[in-house]
């Protein structure tokens, strides 16, 4: 498990068989790599391995943080509803800090701002939540993959 943890690259290769390529670079079989990743997940060291898409690079100009005010007693249900939308990349609960009423956050992506607004309308309708604010991104200053210092 330690060998897999220490050998994981920050960025997986964009190839037909990335796990095999990573395993080969680490001097192991793809099966050994997958067993090591499963052990890391089981132990709670990692949650998942996923692609981080540069939305603007693939013509997704719409990018909105939507903040929702959700009653605590329906937070779990509402979060699950919001997370089901394929246009949503992030969905998480936050404390209001006592000064801001919005406690559920979603990142909604679309090719245009209008697509985002249409998705947000469907989200509001499906969840029954009508108290929300849409904050469109203007400029991106940083976007990197999360890495752990070893």
C-alpha atoms as a PDB file:
ATOM      1  CA  UNK A   1       0.000   0.000   0.000  1.00  0.00           C
ATOM      2  CA  UNK A   2       2.811   2.436   0.865  1.00  0.00           C
ATOM      3  CA  UNK A   3       4.514   1.718  -2.450  1.00  0.00           C
ATOM      4  CA  UNK A   4       1.321   2.609  -4.326  1.00  0.00           C
ATOM      5  CA  UNK A   5       0.748   5.751  -2.230  1.00  0.00           C
ATOM      6  CA  UNK A   6       4.263   7.022  -2.801  1.00  0.00           C
ATOM      7  CA  UNK A   7       4.273   6.168  -6.493  1.00  0.00           C
ATOM      8  CA  UNK A   8       0.983   7.724  -7.516  1.00  0.00           C
ATOM      9  CA  UNK A   9       1.503  10.519 -10.032  1.00  0.00           C
ATOM     10  CA  UNK A  10      -0.185  13.898  -9.529  1.00  0.00           C
ATOM     11  CA  UNK A  11      -1.534  13.592 -13.067  1.00  0.00           C
ATOM     12  CA  UNK A  12      -2.459  10.306 -14.687  1.00  0.00           C
ATOM     13  CA  UNK A  13      -1.401   9.916 -18.301  1.00  0.00           C
ATOM     14  CA  UNK A  14      -4.062  10.579 -20.905  1.00  0.00           C
ATOM     15  CA  UNK A  15      -3.741   7.245 -22.646  1.00  0.00           C
ATOM     16  CA  UNK A  16      -5.931   4.330 -23.611  1.00  0.00           C
ATOM     17  CA  UNK A  17      -4.846   2.361 -20.512  1.00  0.00           C
ATOM     18  CA  UNK A  18      -3.686   4.860 -17.873  1.00  0.00           C
ATOM     19  CA  UNK A  19      -3.702   2.411 -14.954  1.00  0.00           C
ATOM     20  CA  UNK A  20      -1.526  -0.027 -16.853  1.00  0.00           C
ATOM     21  CA  UNK A  21       0.866   2.787 -17.788  1.00  0.00           C
ATOM     22  CA  UNK A  22       1.088   4.029 -14.187  1.00  0.00           C
ATOM     23  CA  UNK A  23       1.580   0.481 -12.912  1.00  0.00           C
ATOM     24  CA  UNK A  24       4.358  -0.142 -15.413  1.00  0.00           C
ATOM     25  CA  UNK A  25       6.117   3.082 -14.383  1.00  0.00           C
ATOM     26  CA  UNK A  26       5.889   1.889 -10.766  1.00  0.00           C
ATOM     27  CA  UNK A  27       7.297  -1.529 -11.649  1.00  0.00           C
ATOM     28  CA  UNK A  28       4.158  -3.511 -10.874  1.00  0.00           C
ATOM     29  CA  UNK A  29       1.201  -5.071 -12.651  1.00  0.00           C
ATOM     30  CA  UNK A  30      -2.079  -3.230 -13.190  1.00  0.00           C
ATOM     31  CA  UNK A  31      -3.699  -5.778 -10.852  1.00  0.00           C
ATOM     32  CA  UNK A  32      -1.236  -4.952  -8.077  1.00  0.00           C
ATOM     33  CA  UNK A  33      -1.888  -1.241  -8.592  1.00  0.00           C
ATOM     34  CA  UNK A  34      -5.657  -1.766  -8.435  1.00  0.00           C
ATOM     35  CA  UNK A  35      -5.314  -3.860  -5.251  1.00  0.00           C
ATOM     36  CA  UNK A  36      -3.187  -1.116  -3.697  1.00  0.00           C
ATOM     37  CA  UNK A  37      -5.689   1.580  -4.665  1.00  0.00           C
ATOM     38  CA  UNK A  38      -8.526  -0.516  -3.233  1.00  0.00           C
ATOM     39  CA  UNK A  39      -6.587  -0.869   0.037  1.00  0.00           C
ATOM     40  CA  UNK A  40      -5.953   2.900   0.150  1.00  0.00           C
ATOM     41  CA  UNK A  41      -9.646   3.530  -0.387  1.00  0.00           C
ATOM     42  CA  UNK A  42     -10.670   0.943   2.224  1.00  0.00           C
ATOM     43  CA  UNK A  43      -8.315   2.519   4.770  1.00  0.00           C
ATOM     44  CA  UNK A  44      -9.690   5.996   4.085  1.00  0.00           C
ATOM     45  CA  UNK A  45      -6.433   7.387   2.688  1.00  0.00           C
ATOM     46  CA  UNK A  46      -8.125   8.205  -0.619  1.00  0.00           C
ATOM     47  CA  UNK A  47     -11.764   8.657  -1.562  1.00  0.00           C
ATOM     48  CA  UNK A  48     -11.456   8.436  -5.320  1.00  0.00           C
ATOM     49  CA  UNK A  49      -9.325   9.095  -8.338  1.00  0.00           C
ATOM     50  CA  UNK A  50     -11.043  11.335 -10.848  1.00  0.00           C
ATOM     51  CA  UNK A  51     -10.333  13.545 -13.812  1.00  0.00           C
ATOM     52  CA  UNK A  52     -10.164  17.287 -13.254  1.00  0.00           C
ATOM     53  CA  UNK A  53     -11.633  18.855 -16.359  1.00  0.00           C
ATOM     54  CA  UNK A  54     -10.596  22.289 -17.534  1.00  0.00           C
ATOM     55  CA  UNK A  55     -14.104  23.414 -18.464  1.00  0.00           C
ATOM     56  CA  UNK A  56     -13.148  26.412 -20.560  1.00  0.00           C
ATOM     57  CA  UNK A  57     -10.714  24.343 -22.600  1.00  0.00           C
ATOM     58  CA  UNK A  58     -13.605  22.154 -23.795  1.00  0.00           C
ATOM     59  CA  UNK A  59     -15.959  25.060 -24.590  1.00  0.00           C
ATOM     60  CA  UNK A  60     -17.891  25.148 -21.322  1.00  0.00           C
ATOM     61  CA  UNK A  61     -18.086  28.894 -20.762  1.00  0.00           C
ATOM     62  CA  UNK A  62     -20.856  28.705 -18.180  1.00  0.00           C
ATOM     63  CA  UNK A  63     -19.557  28.076 -14.671  1.00  0.00           C
ATOM     64  CA  UNK A  64     -21.699  29.036 -11.696  1.00  0.00           C
ATOM     65  CA  UNK A  65     -21.480  28.638  -7.957  1.00  0.00           C
ATOM     66  CA  UNK A  66     -25.060  28.380  -6.758  1.00  0.00           C
ATOM     67  CA  UNK A  67     -25.740  28.933  -3.079  1.00  0.00           C
ATOM     68  CA  UNK A  68     -28.982  27.561  -1.667  1.00  0.00           C
ATOM     69  CA  UNK A  69     -30.773  28.140   1.644  1.00  0.00           C
ATOM     70  CA  UNK A  70     -31.933  24.725   2.796  1.00  0.00           C
ATOM     71  CA  UNK A  71     -33.672  23.806   6.047  1.00  0.00           C
ATOM     72  CA  UNK A  72     -31.491  21.477   8.097  1.00  0.00           C
ATOM     73  CA  UNK A  73     -34.191  18.796   8.288  1.00  0.00           C
ATOM     74  CA  UNK A  74     -34.179  18.343   4.486  1.00  0.00           C
ATOM     75  CA  UNK A  75     -30.461  18.969   3.846  1.00  0.00           C
ATOM     76  CA  UNK A  76     -29.550  15.312   3.270  1.00  0.00           C
ATOM     77  CA  UNK A  77     -32.402  14.757   0.805  1.00  0.00           C
ATOM     78  CA  UNK A  78     -31.791  18.044  -1.002  1.00  0.00           C
ATOM     79  CA  UNK A  79     -28.058  17.454  -1.292  1.00  0.00           C
ATOM     80  CA  UNK A  80     -28.692  14.055  -2.852  1.00  0.00           C
ATOM     81  CA  UNK A  81     -31.161  15.561  -5.355  1.00  0.00           C
ATOM     82  CA  UNK A  82     -28.722  18.302  -6.366  1.00  0.00           C
ATOM     83  CA  UNK A  83     -25.824  15.870  -6.684  1.00  0.00           C
ATOM     84  CA  UNK A  84     -27.766  13.771  -9.211  1.00  0.00           C
ATOM     85  CA  UNK A  85     -27.569  16.465 -11.877  1.00  0.00           C
ATOM     86  CA  UNK A  86     -24.753  15.652 -14.337  1.00  0.00           C
ATOM     87  CA  UNK A  87     -24.055  19.380 -14.752  1.00  0.00           C
ATOM     88  CA  UNK A  88     -23.094  19.566 -11.049  1.00  0.00           C
ATOM     89  CA  UNK A  89     -19.431  18.869 -10.305  1.00  0.00           C
ATOM     90  CA  UNK A  90     -19.455  19.809  -6.610  1.00  0.00           C
ATOM     91  CA  UNK A  91     -22.228  19.721  -4.034  1.00  0.00           C
ATOM     92  CA  UNK A  92     -21.515  20.367  -0.375  1.00  0.00           C
ATOM     93  CA  UNK A  93     -22.973  21.724   2.827  1.00  0.00           C
ATOM     94  CA  UNK A  94     -21.306  24.595   4.677  1.00  0.00           C
ATOM     95  CA  UNK A  95     -21.955  26.442   7.883  1.00  0.00           C
ATOM     96  CA  UNK A  96     -23.632  29.818   7.448  1.00  0.00           C
ATOM     97  CA  UNK A  97     -21.296  31.382   9.990  1.00  0.00           C
ATOM     98  CA  UNK A  98     -24.291  33.206  11.411  1.00  0.00           C
ATOM     99  CA  UNK A  99     -24.072  35.995   8.833  1.00  0.00           C
ATOM    100  CA  UNK A 100     -24.973  34.331   5.517  1.00  0.00           C
ATOM    101  CA  UNK A 101     -28.167  32.311   5.063  1.00  0.00           C
ATOM    102  CA  UNK A 102     -26.947  29.945   2.336  1.00  0.00           C
ATOM    103  CA  UNK A 103     -25.763  26.525   3.460  1.00  0.00           C
ATOM    104  CA  UNK A 104     -25.749  24.292   0.357  1.00  0.00           C
ATOM    105  CA  UNK A 105     -23.299  24.968  -2.452  1.00  0.00           C
ATOM    106  CA  UNK A 106     -23.275  23.548  -5.965  1.00  0.00           C
ATOM    107  CA  UNK A 107     -20.990  24.131  -8.928  1.00  0.00           C
ATOM    108  CA  UNK A 108     -23.006  24.053 -12.144  1.00  0.00           C
ATOM    109  CA  UNK A 109     -21.365  23.879 -15.567  1.00  0.00           C
ATOM    110  CA  UNK A 110     -22.759  24.438 -19.036  1.00  0.00           C
ATOM    111  CA  UNK A 111     -21.645  25.519 -22.471  1.00  0.00           C
ATOM    112  CA  UNK A 112     -23.271  28.899 -21.868  1.00  0.00           C
ATOM    113  CA  UNK A 113     -24.607  30.926 -18.954  1.00  0.00           C
ATOM    114  CA  UNK A 114     -28.105  30.278 -20.291  1.00  0.00           C
ATOM    115  CA  UNK A 115     -27.571  26.501 -20.096  1.00  0.00           C
ATOM    116  CA  UNK A 116     -26.483  26.931 -16.491  1.00  0.00           C
ATOM    117  CA  UNK A 117     -29.564  28.989 -15.685  1.00  0.00           C
ATOM    118  CA  UNK A 118     -31.806  26.347 -17.260  1.00  0.00           C
ATOM    119  CA  UNK A 119     -30.141  23.622 -15.190  1.00  0.00           C
ATOM    120  CA  UNK A 120     -30.455  25.713 -12.031  1.00  0.00           C
ATOM    121  CA  UNK A 121     -34.158  26.207 -12.766  1.00  0.00           C
ATOM    122  CA  UNK A 122     -34.619  22.431 -13.050  1.00  0.00           C
ATOM    123  CA  UNK A 123     -32.670  21.941  -9.821  1.00  0.00           C
ATOM    124  CA  UNK A 124     -34.890  24.427  -7.994  1.00  0.00           C
ATOM    125  CA  UNK A 125     -38.026  22.795  -9.355  1.00  0.00           C
ATOM    126  CA  UNK A 126     -36.931  19.241  -8.505  1.00  0.00           C
ATOM    127  CA  UNK A 127     -35.674  20.135  -5.018  1.00  0.00           C
ATOM    128  CA  UNK A 128     -38.423  22.597  -4.114  1.00  0.00           C
ATOM    129  CA  UNK A 129     -35.776  25.123  -3.006  1.00  0.00           C
ATOM    130  CA  UNK A 130     -36.481  28.621  -4.291  1.00  0.00           C
ATOM    131  CA  UNK A 131     -34.115  30.688  -2.146  1.00  0.00           C
ATOM    132  CA  UNK A 132     -30.784  30.701  -3.974  1.00  0.00           C
ATOM    133  CA  UNK A 133     -28.217  32.981  -5.585  1.00  0.00           C
ATOM    134  CA  UNK A 134     -26.187  32.371  -8.734  1.00  0.00           C
ATOM    135  CA  UNK A 135     -22.578  33.545  -8.805  1.00  0.00           C
ATOM    136  CA  UNK A 136     -21.004  33.186 -12.262  1.00  0.00           C
ATOM    137  CA  UNK A 137     -17.252  32.886 -12.546  1.00  0.00           C
ATOM    138  CA  UNK A 138     -15.552  35.855 -14.137  1.00  0.00           C
ATOM    139  CA  UNK A 139     -11.914  34.794 -14.121  1.00  0.00           C
ATOM    140  CA  UNK A 140      -9.981  31.757 -12.948  1.00  0.00           C
ATOM    141  CA  UNK A 141      -6.818  32.440 -10.976  1.00  0.00           C
ATOM    142  CA  UNK A 142      -5.873  28.901  -9.994  1.00  0.00           C
ATOM    143  CA  UNK A 143      -6.970  25.390 -10.791  1.00  0.00           C
ATOM    144  CA  UNK A 144      -4.725  22.503  -9.906  1.00  0.00           C
ATOM    145  CA  UNK A 145      -5.055  18.898  -8.881  1.00  0.00           C
ATOM    146  CA  UNK A 146      -4.832  18.247  -5.181  1.00  0.00           C
ATOM    147  CA  UNK A 147      -1.509  16.736  -4.185  1.00  0.00           C
ATOM    148  CA  UNK A 148      -0.130  15.542  -0.889  1.00  0.00           C
ATOM    149  CA  UNK A 149       3.396  16.431   0.053  1.00  0.00           C
ATOM    150  CA  UNK A 150       5.329  13.273   0.710  1.00  0.00           C
END
